[in-house]
N, C-alpha and C. Protein backbone atom coordinates (compact mmCIF):
# COMPACT_ATOMS: atom_id res chain seq x y z
N UNK A 1 0.89 -1.15 -0.03
CA UNK A 1 -0.01 0.01 0.02
C UNK A 1 0.88 1.21 0.00
N UNK A 2 0.44 2.27 -0.73
CA UNK A 2 1.25 3.48 -0.74
C UNK A 2 0.67 4.42 0.31
N UNK A 3 1.66 5.14 0.96
CA UNK A 3 1.24 6.14 1.99
C UNK A 3 2.08 7.41 1.76
N UNK A 4 1.30 8.50 1.88
CA UNK A 4 2.03 9.83 1.72
C UNK A 4 2.09 10.34 3.18
N UNK A 5 3.35 10.68 3.68
CA UNK A 5 3.48 11.25 4.89
C UNK A 5 3.96 12.69 4.78
N UNK A 6 3.07 13.60 5.34
CA UNK A 6 3.46 15.00 5.26
C UNK A 6 4.19 15.29 6.58
N UNK A 7 5.16 16.07 6.61
CA UNK A 7 5.96 16.28 7.88
C UNK A 7 6.80 15.09 8.26
N UNK A 8 7.29 14.38 7.16
CA UNK A 8 8.21 13.17 7.48
C UNK A 8 9.49 13.49 7.97
N UNK A 9 9.93 14.80 7.88
CA UNK A 9 11.25 15.18 8.43
C UNK A 9 11.17 15.41 10.03
N UNK A 10 9.93 15.63 10.51
CA UNK A 10 9.83 15.88 11.90
C UNK A 10 9.90 14.61 12.73
N UNK A 11 9.87 14.70 14.02
CA UNK A 11 10.08 13.65 14.93
C UNK A 11 8.98 12.61 14.75
N UNK A 12 7.74 13.02 14.82
CA UNK A 12 6.57 12.04 14.78
C UNK A 12 6.49 11.52 13.40
N UNK A 13 6.62 12.28 12.37
CA UNK A 13 6.54 11.88 11.01
C UNK A 13 7.64 10.85 10.62
N UNK A 14 8.80 11.08 11.07
CA UNK A 14 9.87 10.21 10.71
C UNK A 14 9.71 8.90 11.42
N UNK A 15 9.22 8.87 12.61
CA UNK A 15 8.98 7.65 13.38
C UNK A 15 7.79 6.82 12.71
N UNK A 16 6.87 7.47 12.30
CA UNK A 16 5.66 6.84 11.59
C UNK A 16 6.23 6.28 10.24
N UNK A 17 7.03 7.08 9.51
CA UNK A 17 7.55 6.60 8.23
C UNK A 17 8.39 5.27 8.38
N UNK A 18 9.23 5.30 9.45
CA UNK A 18 10.12 4.17 9.71
C UNK A 18 9.33 2.88 10.05
N UNK A 19 8.26 3.04 10.84
CA UNK A 19 7.43 1.88 11.18
C UNK A 19 6.58 1.48 9.97
N UNK A 20 6.16 2.31 9.16
CA UNK A 20 5.43 1.93 7.91
C UNK A 20 6.30 1.03 6.98
N UNK A 21 7.62 1.47 6.92
CA UNK A 21 8.45 0.87 6.00
C UNK A 21 8.74 -0.55 6.56
N UNK A 22 8.92 -0.67 7.84
CA UNK A 22 9.04 -1.98 8.45
C UNK A 22 7.87 -2.95 8.13
N UNK A 23 6.75 -2.35 7.99
CA UNK A 23 5.59 -3.12 7.71
C UNK A 23 5.26 -3.27 6.17
N UNK A 24 6.35 -2.98 5.41
CA UNK A 24 6.28 -3.13 3.92
C UNK A 24 5.36 -2.21 3.16
N UNK A 25 5.12 -1.01 3.80
CA UNK A 25 4.43 0.01 3.11
C UNK A 25 5.29 0.78 2.17
N UNK A 26 4.84 1.31 1.02
CA UNK A 26 5.55 2.17 0.14
C UNK A 26 5.31 3.61 0.59
N UNK A 27 6.30 4.24 1.27
CA UNK A 27 6.22 5.51 1.86
C UNK A 27 6.72 6.61 0.94
N UNK A 28 5.99 7.69 0.89
CA UNK A 28 6.38 8.88 0.09
C UNK A 28 6.23 9.98 0.94
N UNK A 29 7.20 10.95 0.97
CA UNK A 29 7.07 12.19 1.66
C UNK A 29 8.27 12.65 2.27
């Protein structure tokens, strides 16, 4: 599944992005 993360450079956004990548999501942002 593709996911767009806005604010991915921030603390919360980067942690969410890392977790989604671990769960095999296609993360953009």
